[in-house]
Amino acid sequence: MVWDMWKKGFDAWEQTTARYLEGVLKSPLVLQPAGTLLTAAMKTKATADRAMATWWGLWGLPTKRDQERALHTLNQLESRLIDLEERIGDA
């Protein structure tokens, strides 16, 4: 009995809060500054990523892009090896 009353109260609170927040989060007064902030954050991240790639490159270490390229090549080789093993198994 107590649980049912608590659940009904919670559901009413949740519905009211959800309606209010949905309206607030659709407001241009919230969306525009949030979009501007997100754009600035992504530009900052891109700049930091370029700086780190340059830093690692100066030390002669592979950058993230180099590592991704090597991983892609390894995956291709593994796929070819699996195909060859299947052909040998069929023959």
PDB file of N, CA and C in Angstrom:
ATOM      1  N   MET A   1       0.828  -1.196   0.000  1.00  0.00           N
ATOM      2  CA  MET A   1       0.000   0.000   0.000  1.00  0.00           C
ATOM      3  C   MET A   1       0.868   1.253   0.000  1.00  0.00           C
ATOM      4  N   VAL A   2       1.853   1.286   0.895  1.00  0.00           N
ATOM      5  CA  VAL A   2       2.742   2.444   0.968  1.00  0.00           C
ATOM      6  C   VAL A   2       3.536   2.574  -0.328  1.00  0.00           C
ATOM      7  N   TRP A   3       3.964   1.428  -0.860  1.00  0.00           N
ATOM      8  CA  TRP A   3       4.744   1.450  -2.090  1.00  0.00           C
ATOM      9  C   TRP A   3       3.923   2.030  -3.240  1.00  0.00           C
ATOM     10  N   ASP A   4       2.652   1.653  -3.348  1.00  0.00           N
ATOM     11  CA  ASP A   4       1.794   2.152  -4.418  1.00  0.00           C
ATOM     12  C   ASP A   4       1.614   3.664  -4.317  1.00  0.00           C
ATOM     13  N   MET A   5       1.427   4.159  -3.106  1.00  0.00           N
ATOM     14  CA  MET A   5       1.277   5.610  -2.922  1.00  0.00           C
ATOM     15  C   MET A   5       2.571   6.322  -3.307  1.00  0.00           C
ATOM     16  N   TRP A   6       3.698   5.787  -2.868  1.00  0.00           N
ATOM     17  CA  TRP A   6       4.985   6.400  -3.190  1.00  0.00           C
ATOM     18  C   TRP A   6       5.211   6.388  -4.698  1.00  0.00           C
ATOM     19  N   LYS A   7       4.889   5.271  -5.349  1.00  0.00           N
ATOM     20  CA  LYS A   7       5.068   5.131  -6.792  1.00  0.00           C
ATOM     21  C   LYS A   7       4.200   6.123  -7.542  1.00  0.00           C
ATOM     22  N   LYS A   8       2.959   6.297  -7.147  1.00  0.00           N
ATOM     23  CA  LYS A   8       2.068   7.265  -7.790  1.00  0.00           C
ATOM     24  C   LYS A   8       2.600   8.685  -7.634  1.00  0.00           C
ATOM     25  N   GLY A   9       3.065   8.999  -6.442  1.00  0.00           N
ATOM     26  CA  GLY A   9       3.644  10.327  -6.206  1.00  0.00           C
ATOM     27  C   GLY A   9       4.881  10.548  -7.047  1.00  0.00           C
ATOM     28  N   PHE A  10       5.737   9.548  -7.122  1.00  0.00           N
ATOM     29  CA  PHE A  10       6.938   9.654  -7.923  1.00  0.00           C
ATOM     30  C   PHE A  10       6.602   9.826  -9.397  1.00  0.00           C
ATOM     31  N   ASP A  11       5.633   9.037  -9.890  1.00  0.00           N
ATOM     32  CA  ASP A  11       5.241   9.136 -11.295  1.00  0.00           C
ATOM     33  C   ASP A  11       4.689  10.522 -11.613  1.00  0.00           C
ATOM     34  N   ALA A  12       3.892  11.085 -10.720  1.00  0.00           N
ATOM     35  CA  ALA A  12       3.349  12.434 -10.933  1.00  0.00           C
ATOM     36  C   ALA A  12       4.481  13.451 -10.966  1.00  0.00           C
ATOM     37  N   TRP A  13       5.416  13.343 -10.027  1.00  0.00           N
ATOM     38  CA  TRP A  13       6.561  14.259 -10.003  1.00  0.00           C
ATOM     39  C   TRP A  13       7.394  14.119 -11.275  1.00  0.00           C
ATOM     40  N   GLU A  14       7.619  12.895 -11.705  1.00  0.00           N
ATOM     41  CA  GLU A  14       8.452  12.643 -12.885  1.00  0.00           C
ATOM     42  C   GLU A  14       7.808  13.210 -14.138  1.00  0.00           C
ATOM     43  N   GLN A  15       6.508  13.035 -14.298  1.00  0.00           N
ATOM     44  CA  GLN A  15       5.803  13.554 -15.469  1.00  0.00           C
ATOM     45  C   GLN A  15       5.845  15.078 -15.506  1.00  0.00           C
ATOM     46  N   THR A  16       5.618  15.704 -14.371  1.00  0.00           N
ATOM     47  CA  THR A  16       5.643  17.165 -14.293  1.00  0.00           C
ATOM     48  C   THR A  16       7.045  17.695 -14.587  1.00  0.00           C
ATOM     49  N   THR A  17       8.033  17.073 -13.990  1.00  0.00           N
ATOM     50  CA  THR A  17       9.412  17.503 -14.203  1.00  0.00           C
ATOM     51  C   THR A  17       9.832  17.287 -15.649  1.00  0.00           C
ATOM     52  N   ALA A  18       9.457  16.167 -16.227  1.00  0.00           N
ATOM     53  CA  ALA A  18       9.811  15.872 -17.618  1.00  0.00           C
ATOM     54  C   ALA A  18       9.199  16.897 -18.559  1.00  0.00           C
ATOM     55  N   ARG A  19       7.928  17.251 -18.357  1.00  0.00           N
ATOM     56  CA  ARG A  19       7.277  18.256 -19.204  1.00  0.00           C
ATOM     57  C   ARG A  19       7.986  19.600 -19.094  1.00  0.00           C
ATOM     58  N   TYR A  20       8.320  19.994 -17.870  1.00  0.00           N
ATOM     59  CA  TYR A  20       8.995  21.272 -17.651  1.00  0.00           C
ATOM     60  C   TYR A  20      10.376  21.282 -18.316  1.00  0.00           C
ATOM     61  N   LEU A  21      11.170  20.237 -18.067  1.00  0.00           N
ATOM     62  CA  LEU A  21      12.522  20.188 -18.635  1.00  0.00           C
ATOM     63  C   LEU A  21      12.502  20.094 -20.152  1.00  0.00           C
ATOM     64  N   GLU A  22      11.519  19.389 -20.694  1.00  0.00           N
ATOM     65  CA  GLU A  22      11.405  19.294 -22.144  1.00  0.00           C
ATOM     66  C   GLU A  22      11.180  20.684 -22.742  1.00  0.00           C
ATOM     67  N   GLY A  23      10.328  21.457 -22.120  1.00  0.00           N
ATOM     68  CA  GLY A  23      10.099  22.826 -22.591  1.00  0.00           C
ATOM     69  C   GLY A  23      11.331  23.697 -22.460  1.00  0.00           C
ATOM     70  N   VAL A  24      12.018  23.585 -21.338  1.00  0.00           N
ATOM     71  CA  VAL A  24      13.216  24.394 -21.110  1.00  0.00           C
ATOM     72  C   VAL A  24      14.307  24.011 -22.097  1.00  0.00           C
ATOM     73  N   LEU A  25      14.522  22.718 -22.299  1.00  0.00           N
ATOM     74  CA  LEU A  25      15.608  22.282 -23.164  1.00  0.00           C
ATOM     75  C   LEU A  25      15.343  22.516 -24.645  1.00  0.00           C
ATOM     76  N   LYS A  26      14.102  22.775 -25.027  1.00  0.00           N
ATOM     77  CA  LYS A  26      13.784  23.117 -26.411  1.00  0.00           C
ATOM     78  C   LYS A  26      13.870  24.621 -26.650  1.00  0.00           C
ATOM     79  N   SER A  27      14.044  25.378 -25.608  1.00  0.00           N
ATOM     80  CA  SER A  27      14.067  26.829 -25.713  1.00  0.00           C
ATOM     81  C   SER A  27      15.334  27.309 -26.414  1.00  0.00           C
ATOM     82  N   PRO A  28      15.194  28.269 -27.335  1.00  0.00           N
ATOM     83  CA  PRO A  28      16.370  28.852 -27.983  1.00  0.00           C
ATOM     84  C   PRO A  28      17.305  29.531 -26.980  1.00  0.00           C
ATOM     85  N   LEU A  29      16.757  29.971 -25.862  1.00  0.00           N
ATOM     86  CA  LEU A  29      17.600  30.606 -24.849  1.00  0.00           C
ATOM     87  C   LEU A  29      18.576  29.613 -24.221  1.00  0.00           C
ATOM     88  N   VAL A  30      18.268  28.327 -24.306  1.00  0.00           N
ATOM     89  CA  VAL A  30      19.162  27.288 -23.791  1.00  0.00           C
ATOM     90  C   VAL A  30      19.970  26.680 -24.938  1.00  0.00           C
ATOM     91  N   LEU A  31      19.311  26.427 -26.069  1.00  0.00           N
ATOM     92  CA  LEU A  31      19.964  25.740 -27.176  1.00  0.00           C
ATOM     93  C   LEU A  31      21.096  26.551 -27.804  1.00  0.00           C
ATOM     94  N   GLN A  32      20.891  27.838 -27.994  1.00  0.00           N
ATOM     95  CA  GLN A  32      21.917  28.643 -28.666  1.00  0.00           C
ATOM     96  C   GLN A  32      23.214  28.719 -27.845  1.00  0.00           C
ATOM     97  N   PRO A  33      23.177  29.067 -26.566  1.00  0.00           N
ATOM     98  CA  PRO A  33      24.431  29.077 -25.804  1.00  0.00           C
ATOM     99  C   PRO A  33      25.057  27.680 -25.681  1.00  0.00           C
ATOM    100  N   ALA A  34      24.224  26.647 -25.571  1.00  0.00           N
ATOM    101  CA  ALA A  34      24.749  25.286 -25.482  1.00  0.00           C
ATOM    102  C   ALA A  34      25.456  24.912 -26.784  1.00  0.00           C
ATOM    103  N   GLY A  35      24.876  25.292 -27.906  1.00  0.00           N
ATOM    104  CA  GLY A  35      25.499  25.031 -29.204  1.00  0.00           C
ATOM    105  C   GLY A  35      26.808  25.781 -29.360  1.00  0.00           C
ATOM    106  N   THR A  36      26.819  27.021 -28.923  1.00  0.00           N
ATOM    107  CA  THR A  36      28.045  27.827 -28.988  1.00  0.00           C
ATOM    108  C   THR A  36      29.127  27.211 -28.116  1.00  0.00           C
ATOM    109  N   LEU A  37      28.752  26.785 -26.930  1.00  0.00           N
ATOM    110  CA  LEU A  37      29.707  26.155 -26.022  1.00  0.00           C
ATOM    111  C   LEU A  37      30.250  24.853 -26.607  1.00  0.00           C
ATOM    112  N   LEU A  38      29.384  24.057 -27.193  1.00  0.00           N
ATOM    113  CA  LEU A  38      29.807  22.800 -27.794  1.00  0.00           C
ATOM    114  C   LEU A  38      30.752  23.049 -28.970  1.00  0.00           C
ATOM    115  N   THR A  39      30.450  24.036 -29.787  1.00  0.00           N
ATOM    116  CA  THR A  39      31.320  24.380 -30.912  1.00  0.00           C
ATOM    117  C   THR A  39      32.696  24.802 -30.422  1.00  0.00           C
ATOM    118  N   ALA A  40      32.732  25.642 -29.402  1.00  0.00           N
ATOM    119  CA  ALA A  40      34.012  26.087 -28.847  1.00  0.00           C
ATOM    120  C   ALA A  40      34.793  24.917 -28.258  1.00  0.00           C
ATOM    121  N   ALA A  41      34.103  24.024 -27.582  1.00  0.00           N
ATOM    122  CA  ALA A  41      34.770  22.859 -26.991  1.00  0.00           C
ATOM    123  C   ALA A  41      35.358  21.961 -28.076  1.00  0.00           C
ATOM    124  N   MET A  42      34.632  21.763 -29.166  1.00  0.00           N
ATOM    125  CA  MET A  42      35.136  20.908 -30.233  1.00  0.00           C
ATOM    126  C   MET A  42      36.326  21.556 -30.947  1.00  0.00           C
ATOM    127  N   LYS A  43      36.292  22.873 -31.119  1.00  0.00           N
ATOM    128  CA  LYS A  43      37.438  23.561 -31.728  1.00  0.00           C
ATOM    129  C   LYS A  43      38.658  23.456 -30.827  1.00  0.00           C
ATOM    130  N   THR A  44      38.443  23.580 -29.524  1.00  0.00           N
ATOM    131  CA  THR A  44      39.546  23.457 -28.571  1.00  0.00           C
ATOM    132  C   THR A  44      40.115  22.043 -28.600  1.00  0.00           C
ATOM    133  N   LYS A  45      39.261  21.047 -28.666  1.00  0.00           N
ATOM    134  CA  LYS A  45      39.720  19.659 -28.717  1.00  0.00           C
ATOM    135  C   LYS A  45      40.509  19.407 -29.988  1.00  0.00           C
ATOM    136  N   ALA A  46      40.038  19.918 -31.117  1.00  0.00           N
ATOM    137  CA  ALA A  46      40.747  19.719 -32.380  1.00  0.00           C
ATOM    138  C   ALA A  46      42.140  20.351 -32.318  1.00  0.00           C
ATOM    139  N   THR A  47      42.223  21.537 -31.737  1.00  0.00           N
ATOM    140  CA  THR A  47      43.516  22.206 -31.595  1.00  0.00           C
ATOM    141  C   THR A  47      44.440  21.408 -30.681  1.00  0.00           C
ATOM    142  N   ALA A  48      43.910  20.916 -29.579  1.00  0.00           N
ATOM    143  CA  ALA A  48      44.710  20.116 -28.653  1.00  0.00           C
ATOM    144  C   ALA A  48      45.167  18.811 -29.309  1.00  0.00           C
ATOM    145  N   ASP A  49      44.296  18.181 -30.091  1.00  0.00           N
ATOM    146  CA  ASP A  49      44.664  16.945 -30.785  1.00  0.00           C
ATOM    147  C   ASP A  49      45.797  17.194 -31.773  1.00  0.00           C
ATOM    148  N   ARG A  50      45.716  18.298 -32.521  1.00  0.00           N
ATOM    149  CA  ARG A  50      46.795  18.624 -33.463  1.00  0.00           C
ATOM    150  C   ARG A  50      48.099  18.882 -32.727  1.00  0.00           C
ATOM    151  N   ALA A  51      48.017  19.589 -31.599  1.00  0.00           N
ATOM    152  CA  ALA A  51      49.218  19.887 -30.818  1.00  0.00           C
ATOM    153  C   ALA A  51      49.847  18.602 -30.285  1.00  0.00           C
ATOM    154  N   MET A  52      49.025  17.666 -29.807  1.00  0.00           N
ATOM    155  CA  MET A  52      49.554  16.412 -29.289  1.00  0.00           C
ATOM    156  C   MET A  52      50.177  15.571 -30.404  1.00  0.00           C
ATOM    157  N   ALA A  53      49.559  15.561 -31.571  1.00  0.00           N
ATOM    158  CA  ALA A  53      50.117  14.816 -32.705  1.00  0.00           C
ATOM    159  C   ALA A  53      51.478  15.391 -33.088  1.00  0.00           C
ATOM    160  N   THR A  54      51.582  16.704 -33.083  1.00  0.00           N
ATOM    161  CA  THR A  54      52.861  17.348 -33.383  1.00  0.00           C
ATOM    162  C   THR A  54      53.887  16.998 -32.319  1.00  0.00           C
ATOM    163  N   TRP A  55      53.489  17.031 -31.057  1.00  0.00           N
ATOM    164  CA  TRP A  55      54.388  16.716 -29.950  1.00  0.00           C
ATOM    165  C   TRP A  55      54.936  15.296 -30.071  1.00  0.00           C
ATOM    166  N   TRP A  56      54.037  14.322 -30.287  1.00  0.00           N
ATOM    167  CA  TRP A  56      54.482  12.938 -30.417  1.00  0.00           C
ATOM    168  C   TRP A  56      55.369  12.776 -31.640  1.00  0.00           C
ATOM    169  N   GLY A  57      55.025  13.464 -32.722  1.00  0.00           N
ATOM    170  CA  GLY A  57      55.833  13.392 -33.939  1.00  0.00           C
ATOM    171  C   GLY A  57      57.231  13.942 -33.737  1.00  0.00           C
ATOM    172  N   LEU A  58      57.348  15.011 -32.968  1.00  0.00           N
ATOM    173  CA  LEU A  58      58.665  15.584 -32.688  1.00  0.00           C
ATOM    174  C   LEU A  58      59.559  14.598 -31.937  1.00  0.00           C
ATOM    175  N   TRP A  59      58.968  13.759 -31.125  1.00  0.00           N
ATOM    176  CA  TRP A  59      59.725  12.759 -30.372  1.00  0.00           C
ATOM    177  C   TRP A  59      59.962  11.495 -31.192  1.00  0.00           C
ATOM    178  N   GLY A  60      59.431  11.480 -32.403  1.00  0.00           N
ATOM    179  CA  GLY A  60      59.616  10.316 -33.261  1.00  0.00           C
ATOM    180  C   GLY A  60      58.702   9.157 -32.926  1.00  0.00           C
ATOM    181  N   LEU A  61      57.660   9.424 -32.179  1.00  0.00           N
ATOM    182  CA  LEU A  61      56.708   8.387 -31.796  1.00  0.00           C
ATOM    183  C   LEU A  61      55.497   8.427 -32.722  1.00  0.00           C
ATOM    184  N   PRO A  62      54.835   7.289 -32.901  1.00  0.00           N
ATOM    185  CA  PRO A  62      53.666   7.278 -33.783  1.00  0.00           C
ATOM    186  C   PRO A  62      52.505   8.081 -33.188  1.00  0.00           C
ATOM    187  N   THR A  63      51.850   8.819 -34.046  1.00  0.00           N
ATOM    188  CA  THR A  63      50.674   9.585 -33.618  1.00  0.00           C
ATOM    189  C   THR A  63      49.463   8.661 -33.605  1.00  0.00           C
ATOM    190  N   LYS A  64      48.350   9.184 -33.140  1.00  0.00           N
ATOM    191  CA  LYS A  64      47.114   8.404 -33.110  1.00  0.00           C
ATOM    192  C   LYS A  64      46.749   7.967 -34.524  1.00  0.00           C
ATOM    193  N   ARG A  65      46.908   8.863 -35.474  1.00  0.00           N
ATOM    194  CA  ARG A  65      46.584   8.539 -36.865  1.00  0.00           C
ATOM    195  C   ARG A  65      47.496   7.429 -37.390  1.00  0.00           C
ATOM    196  N   ASP A  66      48.789   7.501 -37.052  1.00  0.00           N
ATOM    197  CA  ASP A  66      49.717   6.443 -37.459  1.00  0.00           C
ATOM    198  C   ASP A  66      49.296   5.102 -36.876  1.00  0.00           C
ATOM    199  N   GLN A  67      48.916   5.106 -35.608  1.00  0.00           N
ATOM    200  CA  GLN A  67      48.498   3.875 -34.947  1.00  0.00           C
ATOM    201  C   GLN A  67      47.224   3.320 -35.573  1.00  0.00           C
ATOM    202  N   GLU A  68      46.289   4.196 -35.902  1.00  0.00           N
ATOM    203  CA  GLU A  68      45.040   3.748 -36.530  1.00  0.00           C
ATOM    204  C   GLU A  68      45.317   3.155 -37.902  1.00  0.00           C
ATOM    205  N   ARG A  69      46.226   3.769 -38.651  1.00  0.00           N
ATOM    206  CA  ARG A  69      46.584   3.268 -39.977  1.00  0.00           C
ATOM    207  C   ARG A  69      47.221   1.877 -39.857  1.00  0.00           C
ATOM    208  N   ALA A  70      48.123   1.709 -38.889  1.00  0.00           N
ATOM    209  CA  ALA A  70      48.775   0.412 -38.683  1.00  0.00           C
ATOM    210  C   ALA A  70      47.754  -0.644 -38.252  1.00  0.00           C
ATOM    211  N   LEU A  71      46.820  -0.263 -37.385  1.00  0.00           N
ATOM    212  CA  LEU A  71      45.788  -1.199 -36.934  1.00  0.00           C
ATOM    213  C   LEU A  71      44.902  -1.631 -38.104  1.00  0.00           C
ATOM    214  N   HIS A  72      44.579  -0.696 -38.982  1.00  0.00           N
ATOM    215  CA  HIS A  72      43.764  -1.016 -40.148  1.00  0.00           C
ATOM    216  C   HIS A  72      44.492  -2.031 -41.036  1.00  0.00           C
ATOM    217  N   THR A  73      45.788  -1.809 -41.245  1.00  0.00           N
ATOM    218  CA  THR A  73      46.584  -2.734 -42.053  1.00  0.00           C
ATOM    219  C   THR A  73      46.640  -4.113 -41.404  1.00  0.00           C
ATOM    220  N   LEU A  74      46.818  -4.150 -40.080  1.00  0.00           N
ATOM    221  CA  LEU A  74      46.828  -5.430 -39.367  1.00  0.00           C
ATOM    222  C   LEU A  74      45.495  -6.159 -39.510  1.00  0.00           C
ATOM    223  N   ASN A  75      44.406  -5.426 -39.428  1.00  0.00           N
ATOM    224  CA  ASN A  75      43.080  -6.041 -39.581  1.00  0.00           C
ATOM    225  C   ASN A  75      42.899  -6.615 -40.980  1.00  0.00           C
ATOM    226  N   GLN A  76      43.406  -5.899 -41.996  1.00  0.00           N
ATOM    227  CA  GLN A  76      43.320  -6.416 -43.361  1.00  0.00           C
ATOM    228  C   GLN A  76      44.136  -7.699 -43.502  1.00  0.00           C
ATOM    229  N   LEU A  77      45.346  -7.702 -42.944  1.00  0.00           N
ATOM    230  CA  LEU A  77      46.188  -8.897 -43.005  1.00  0.00           C
ATOM    231  C   LEU A  77      45.533 -10.079 -42.293  1.00  0.00           C
ATOM    232  N   GLU A  78      44.940  -9.809 -41.129  1.00  0.00           N
ATOM    233  CA  GLU A  78      44.266 -10.870 -40.381  1.00  0.00           C
ATOM    234  C   GLU A  78      43.104 -11.446 -41.182  1.00  0.00           C
ATOM    235  N   SER A  79      42.362 -10.569 -41.838  1.00  0.00           N
ATOM    236  CA  SER A  79      41.230 -11.019 -42.647  1.00  0.00           C
ATOM    237  C   SER A  79      41.714 -11.899 -43.797  1.00  0.00           C
ATOM    238  N   ARG A  80      42.790 -11.498 -44.444  1.00  0.00           N
ATOM    239  CA  ARG A  80      43.339 -12.302 -45.545  1.00  0.00           C
ATOM    240  C   ARG A  80      43.844 -13.644 -45.032  1.00  0.00           C
ATOM    241  N   LEU A  81      44.480 -13.650 -43.882  1.00  0.00           N
ATOM    242  CA  LEU A  81      44.987 -14.888 -43.292  1.00  0.00           C
ATOM    243  C   LEU A  81      43.845 -15.845 -42.977  1.00  0.00           C
ATOM    244  N   ILE A  82      42.771 -15.325 -42.428  1.00  0.00           N
ATOM    245  CA  ILE A  82      41.601 -16.160 -42.126  1.00  0.00           C
ATOM    246  C   ILE A  82      41.029 -16.743 -43.407  1.00  0.00           C
ATOM    247  N   ASP A  83      40.951 -15.921 -44.476  1.00  0.00           N
ATOM    248  CA  ASP A  83      40.454 -16.419 -45.762  1.00  0.00           C
ATOM    249  C   ASP A  83      41.338 -17.542 -46.296  1.00  0.00           C
ATOM    250  N   LEU A  84      42.665 -17.362 -46.191  1.00  0.00           N
ATOM    251  CA  LEU A  84      43.583 -18.408 -46.660  1.00  0.00           C
ATOM    252  C   LEU A  84      43.434 -19.686 -45.843  1.00  0.00           C
ATOM    253  N   GLU A  85      43.273 -19.554 -44.531  1.00  0.00           N
ATOM    254  CA  GLU A  85      43.094 -20.733 -43.682  1.00  0.00           C
ATOM    255  C   GLU A  85      41.815 -21.472 -44.061  1.00  0.00           C
ATOM    256  N   GLU A  86      40.766 -20.727 -44.398  1.00  0.00           N
ATOM    257  CA  GLU A  86      39.509 -21.364 -44.804  1.00  0.00           C
ATOM    258  C   GLU A  86      39.682 -22.101 -46.127  1.00  0.00           C
ATOM    259  N   ARG A  87      40.427 -21.493 -47.052  1.00  0.00           N
ATOM    260  CA  ARG A  87      40.668 -22.153 -48.348  1.00  0.00           C
ATOM    261  C   ARG A  87      41.458 -23.449 -48.171  1.00  0.00           C
ATOM    262  N   ILE A  88      42.487 -23.379 -47.298  1.00  0.00           N
ATOM    263  CA  ILE A  88      43.296 -24.571 -47.034  1.00  0.00           C
ATOM    264  C   ILE A  88      42.440 -25.647 -46.387  1.00  0.00           C
ATOM    265  N   GLY A  89      41.576 -25.240 -45.462  1.00  0.00           N
ATOM    266  CA  GLY A  89      40.693 -26.199 -44.790  1.00  0.00           C
ATOM    267  C   GLY A  89      39.720 -26.850 -45.752  1.00  0.00           C
ATOM    268  N   ASP A  90      39.256 -26.107 -46.754  1.00  0.00           N
ATOM    269  CA  ASP A  90      38.317 -26.650 -47.752  1.00  0.00           C
ATOM    270  C   ASP A  90      39.015 -27.580 -48.735  1.00  0.00           C
ATOM    271  N   ALA A  91      40.320 -27.348 -48.968  1.00  0.00           N
ATOM    272  CA  ALA A  91      41.039 -28.144 -49.982  1.00  0.00           C
ATOM    273  C   ALA A  91      41.504 -29.451 -49.472  1.00  0.00           C
TER     274      ALA A  91
END
